Amino acid sequence: MKHWQTMFGNKVKELRREAGFSQEALADEAGIHRSHLGKIERGTIDITLSTMIKIARILQVKPSVLLYGIGSKA
């Protein structure tokens, strides 16, 4: 598991919860399976650009918000 994947997944989970979505609801809106979203949020898989853009649109944020701080070492 890569550090950036974990950071990205944590950001998706945080924004999903703030927006009031369950994993299942967000996954349905994005056209992906709930288990796939769970893997994204746990940072165990890479995400495609198209899926990232779909998630950002649904959460009503720019894709850059999902990526902010990912490259920094914490």
N, C-alpha and C. Protein backbone atom coordinates (compact mmCIF):
# COMPACT_ATOMS: atom_id res chain seq x y z
N MET A 1 0.84 -1.17 0.00
CA MET A 1 0.00 0.00 0.00
C MET A 1 0.89 1.24 0.00
N LYS A 2 0.56 2.18 -0.86
CA LYS A 2 1.35 3.40 -0.98
C LYS A 2 0.77 4.49 -0.09
N HIS A 3 1.65 5.30 0.43
CA HIS A 3 1.25 6.38 1.33
C HIS A 3 0.25 7.32 0.67
N TRP A 4 0.48 7.66 -0.61
CA TRP A 4 -0.42 8.60 -1.28
C TRP A 4 -1.81 8.01 -1.45
N GLN A 5 -1.90 6.69 -1.64
CA GLN A 5 -3.21 6.06 -1.78
C GLN A 5 -4.00 6.18 -0.47
N THR A 6 -3.32 5.98 0.63
CA THR A 6 -3.96 6.10 1.94
C THR A 6 -4.43 7.53 2.18
N MET A 7 -3.59 8.50 1.86
CA MET A 7 -3.97 9.90 2.03
C MET A 7 -5.16 10.26 1.16
N PHE A 8 -5.15 9.80 -0.08
CA PHE A 8 -6.25 10.07 -0.99
C PHE A 8 -7.54 9.43 -0.47
N GLY A 9 -7.46 8.20 -0.06
CA GLY A 9 -8.62 7.49 0.46
C GLY A 9 -9.20 8.16 1.69
N ASN A 10 -8.34 8.62 2.57
CA ASN A 10 -8.81 9.33 3.76
C ASN A 10 -9.55 10.61 3.40
N LYS A 11 -9.05 11.31 2.37
CA LYS A 11 -9.70 12.55 1.92
C LYS A 11 -11.07 12.25 1.33
N VAL A 12 -11.17 11.19 0.53
CA VAL A 12 -12.46 10.81 -0.05
C VAL A 12 -13.45 10.48 1.06
N LYS A 13 -13.01 9.69 2.02
CA LYS A 13 -13.89 9.29 3.13
C LYS A 13 -14.36 10.51 3.92
N GLU A 14 -13.43 11.41 4.22
CA GLU A 14 -13.75 12.62 4.98
C GLU A 14 -14.81 13.46 4.24
N LEU A 15 -14.59 13.69 2.95
CA LEU A 15 -15.51 14.51 2.18
C LEU A 15 -16.85 13.81 1.97
N ARG A 16 -16.82 12.50 1.81
CA ARG A 16 -18.05 11.72 1.65
C ARG A 16 -18.92 11.88 2.90
N ARG A 17 -18.30 11.72 4.05
CA ARG A 17 -19.04 11.84 5.31
C ARG A 17 -19.57 13.26 5.51
N GLU A 18 -18.75 14.26 5.21
CA GLU A 18 -19.19 15.65 5.33
C GLU A 18 -20.39 15.94 4.43
N ALA A 19 -20.41 15.30 3.26
CA ALA A 19 -21.51 15.51 2.30
C ALA A 19 -22.74 14.67 2.65
N GLY A 20 -22.60 13.78 3.63
CA GLY A 20 -23.74 12.98 4.08
C GLY A 20 -24.03 11.76 3.23
N PHE A 21 -23.04 11.29 2.50
CA PHE A 21 -23.21 10.09 1.68
C PHE A 21 -22.76 8.85 2.43
N SER A 22 -23.48 7.77 2.26
CA SER A 22 -22.97 6.46 2.68
C SER A 22 -22.04 5.99 1.57
N GLN A 23 -21.24 4.98 1.87
CA GLN A 23 -20.38 4.41 0.83
C GLN A 23 -21.24 3.92 -0.34
N GLU A 24 -22.32 3.24 -0.01
CA GLU A 24 -23.18 2.68 -1.06
C GLU A 24 -23.79 3.77 -1.94
N ALA A 25 -24.26 4.86 -1.34
CA ALA A 25 -24.87 5.94 -2.11
C ALA A 25 -23.85 6.62 -3.03
N LEU A 26 -22.66 6.90 -2.51
CA LEU A 26 -21.63 7.53 -3.34
C LEU A 26 -21.21 6.59 -4.46
N ALA A 27 -21.01 5.33 -4.14
CA ALA A 27 -20.62 4.35 -5.16
C ALA A 27 -21.68 4.25 -6.25
N ASP A 28 -22.95 4.21 -5.87
CA ASP A 28 -24.04 4.15 -6.85
C ASP A 28 -24.01 5.37 -7.77
N GLU A 29 -23.86 6.54 -7.19
CA GLU A 29 -23.81 7.78 -7.98
C GLU A 29 -22.63 7.78 -8.95
N ALA A 30 -21.50 7.22 -8.50
CA ALA A 30 -20.29 7.20 -9.32
C ALA A 30 -20.26 6.04 -10.32
N GLY A 31 -21.20 5.12 -10.18
CA GLY A 31 -21.25 3.98 -11.10
C GLY A 31 -20.20 2.93 -10.81
N ILE A 32 -19.81 2.82 -9.54
CA ILE A 32 -18.85 1.79 -9.14
C ILE A 32 -19.47 0.95 -8.03
N HIS A 33 -18.88 -0.19 -7.75
CA HIS A 33 -19.38 -1.06 -6.70
C HIS A 33 -18.95 -0.51 -5.34
N ARG A 34 -19.78 -0.72 -4.31
CA ARG A 34 -19.47 -0.23 -2.97
C ARG A 34 -18.14 -0.77 -2.48
N SER A 35 -17.84 -2.03 -2.78
CA SER A 35 -16.57 -2.60 -2.33
C SER A 35 -15.38 -1.91 -3.00
N HIS A 36 -15.57 -1.45 -4.23
CA HIS A 36 -14.50 -0.72 -4.93
C HIS A 36 -14.24 0.61 -4.22
N LEU A 37 -15.32 1.31 -3.85
CA LEU A 37 -15.16 2.56 -3.11
C LEU A 37 -14.49 2.29 -1.77
N GLY A 38 -14.85 1.20 -1.12
CA GLY A 38 -14.20 0.85 0.15
C GLY A 38 -12.71 0.66 -0.02
N LYS A 39 -12.30 0.04 -1.11
CA LYS A 39 -10.87 -0.16 -1.37
C LYS A 39 -10.18 1.16 -1.65
N ILE A 40 -10.87 2.06 -2.35
CA ILE A 40 -10.31 3.40 -2.59
C ILE A 40 -10.10 4.10 -1.25
N GLU A 41 -11.11 4.07 -0.41
CA GLU A 41 -11.03 4.76 0.88
C GLU A 41 -9.98 4.15 1.81
N ARG A 42 -9.74 2.86 1.69
CA ARG A 42 -8.70 2.22 2.51
C ARG A 42 -7.31 2.37 1.89
N GLY A 43 -7.26 2.85 0.66
CA GLY A 43 -5.97 3.06 0.00
C GLY A 43 -5.33 1.78 -0.49
N THR A 44 -6.14 0.78 -0.80
CA THR A 44 -5.57 -0.50 -1.22
C THR A 44 -5.53 -0.68 -2.74
N ILE A 45 -6.10 0.28 -3.48
CA ILE A 45 -6.05 0.20 -4.95
C ILE A 45 -5.78 1.57 -5.53
N ASP A 46 -5.33 1.59 -6.76
CA ASP A 46 -5.18 2.83 -7.51
C ASP A 46 -6.54 3.23 -8.05
N ILE A 47 -6.76 4.51 -8.18
CA ILE A 47 -8.02 5.03 -8.71
C ILE A 47 -7.76 5.59 -10.11
N THR A 48 -8.72 5.39 -11.00
CA THR A 48 -8.57 5.95 -12.34
C THR A 48 -8.93 7.43 -12.31
N LEU A 49 -8.44 8.16 -13.27
CA LEU A 49 -8.73 9.58 -13.37
C LEU A 49 -10.24 9.79 -13.55
N SER A 50 -10.87 8.98 -14.38
CA SER A 50 -12.30 9.17 -14.61
C SER A 50 -13.11 8.93 -13.33
N THR A 51 -12.74 7.95 -12.54
CA THR A 51 -13.44 7.70 -11.28
C THR A 51 -13.21 8.83 -10.29
N MET A 52 -12.00 9.35 -10.25
CA MET A 52 -11.69 10.46 -9.36
C MET A 52 -12.54 11.68 -9.74
N ILE A 53 -12.67 11.95 -11.02
CA ILE A 53 -13.46 13.10 -11.47
C ILE A 53 -14.93 12.90 -11.14
N LYS A 54 -15.45 11.70 -11.32
CA LYS A 54 -16.84 11.41 -10.97
C LYS A 54 -17.08 11.65 -9.48
N ILE A 55 -16.19 11.13 -8.65
CA ILE A 55 -16.34 11.30 -7.20
C ILE A 55 -16.28 12.77 -6.82
N ALA A 56 -15.34 13.51 -7.40
CA ALA A 56 -15.22 14.94 -7.10
C ALA A 56 -16.50 15.68 -7.48
N ARG A 57 -17.04 15.39 -8.65
CA ARG A 57 -18.28 16.06 -9.08
C ARG A 57 -19.43 15.77 -8.14
N ILE A 58 -19.57 14.52 -7.74
CA ILE A 58 -20.65 14.14 -6.84
C ILE A 58 -20.49 14.83 -5.49
N LEU A 59 -19.26 14.92 -5.01
CA LEU A 59 -18.99 15.58 -3.73
C LEU A 59 -18.94 17.10 -3.85
N GLN A 60 -19.10 17.58 -5.08
CA GLN A 60 -19.12 19.01 -5.38
C GLN A 60 -17.84 19.73 -4.96
N VAL A 61 -16.72 19.08 -5.30
CA VAL A 61 -15.41 19.69 -5.08
C VAL A 61 -14.61 19.55 -6.37
N LYS A 62 -13.59 20.38 -6.51
CA LYS A 62 -12.68 20.23 -7.64
C LYS A 62 -11.80 19.01 -7.40
N PRO A 63 -11.40 18.31 -8.46
CA PRO A 63 -10.50 17.16 -8.27
C PRO A 63 -9.23 17.53 -7.49
N SER A 64 -8.78 18.77 -7.64
CA SER A 64 -7.57 19.19 -6.93
C SER A 64 -7.75 19.12 -5.41
N VAL A 65 -8.98 19.27 -4.94
CA VAL A 65 -9.24 19.17 -3.50
C VAL A 65 -8.93 17.75 -3.02
N LEU A 66 -9.25 16.76 -3.84
CA LEU A 66 -8.97 15.37 -3.47
C LEU A 66 -7.47 15.09 -3.46
N LEU A 67 -6.72 15.83 -4.26
CA LEU A 67 -5.28 15.60 -4.39
C LEU A 67 -4.42 16.48 -3.48
N TYR A 68 -5.02 17.50 -2.89
CA TYR A 68 -4.24 18.45 -2.10
C TYR A 68 -3.47 17.76 -0.98
N GLY A 69 -2.17 18.00 -0.94
CA GLY A 69 -1.31 17.47 0.12
C GLY A 69 -0.86 16.03 -0.07
N ILE A 70 -1.30 15.39 -1.13
CA ILE A 70 -0.99 13.98 -1.34
C ILE A 70 0.51 13.75 -1.51
N GLY A 71 1.18 14.64 -2.22
CA GLY A 71 2.60 14.45 -2.50
C GLY A 71 3.53 14.78 -1.35
N SER A 72 3.00 15.43 -0.32
CA SER A 72 3.86 15.80 0.79
C SER A 72 4.04 14.63 1.75
N LYS A 73 5.18 14.61 2.38
CA LYS A 73 5.44 13.53 3.36
C LYS A 73 5.00 14.00 4.73
N ALA A 74 4.17 13.19 5.35
CA ALA A 74 3.67 13.55 6.68
C ALA A 74 4.03 12.49 7.67
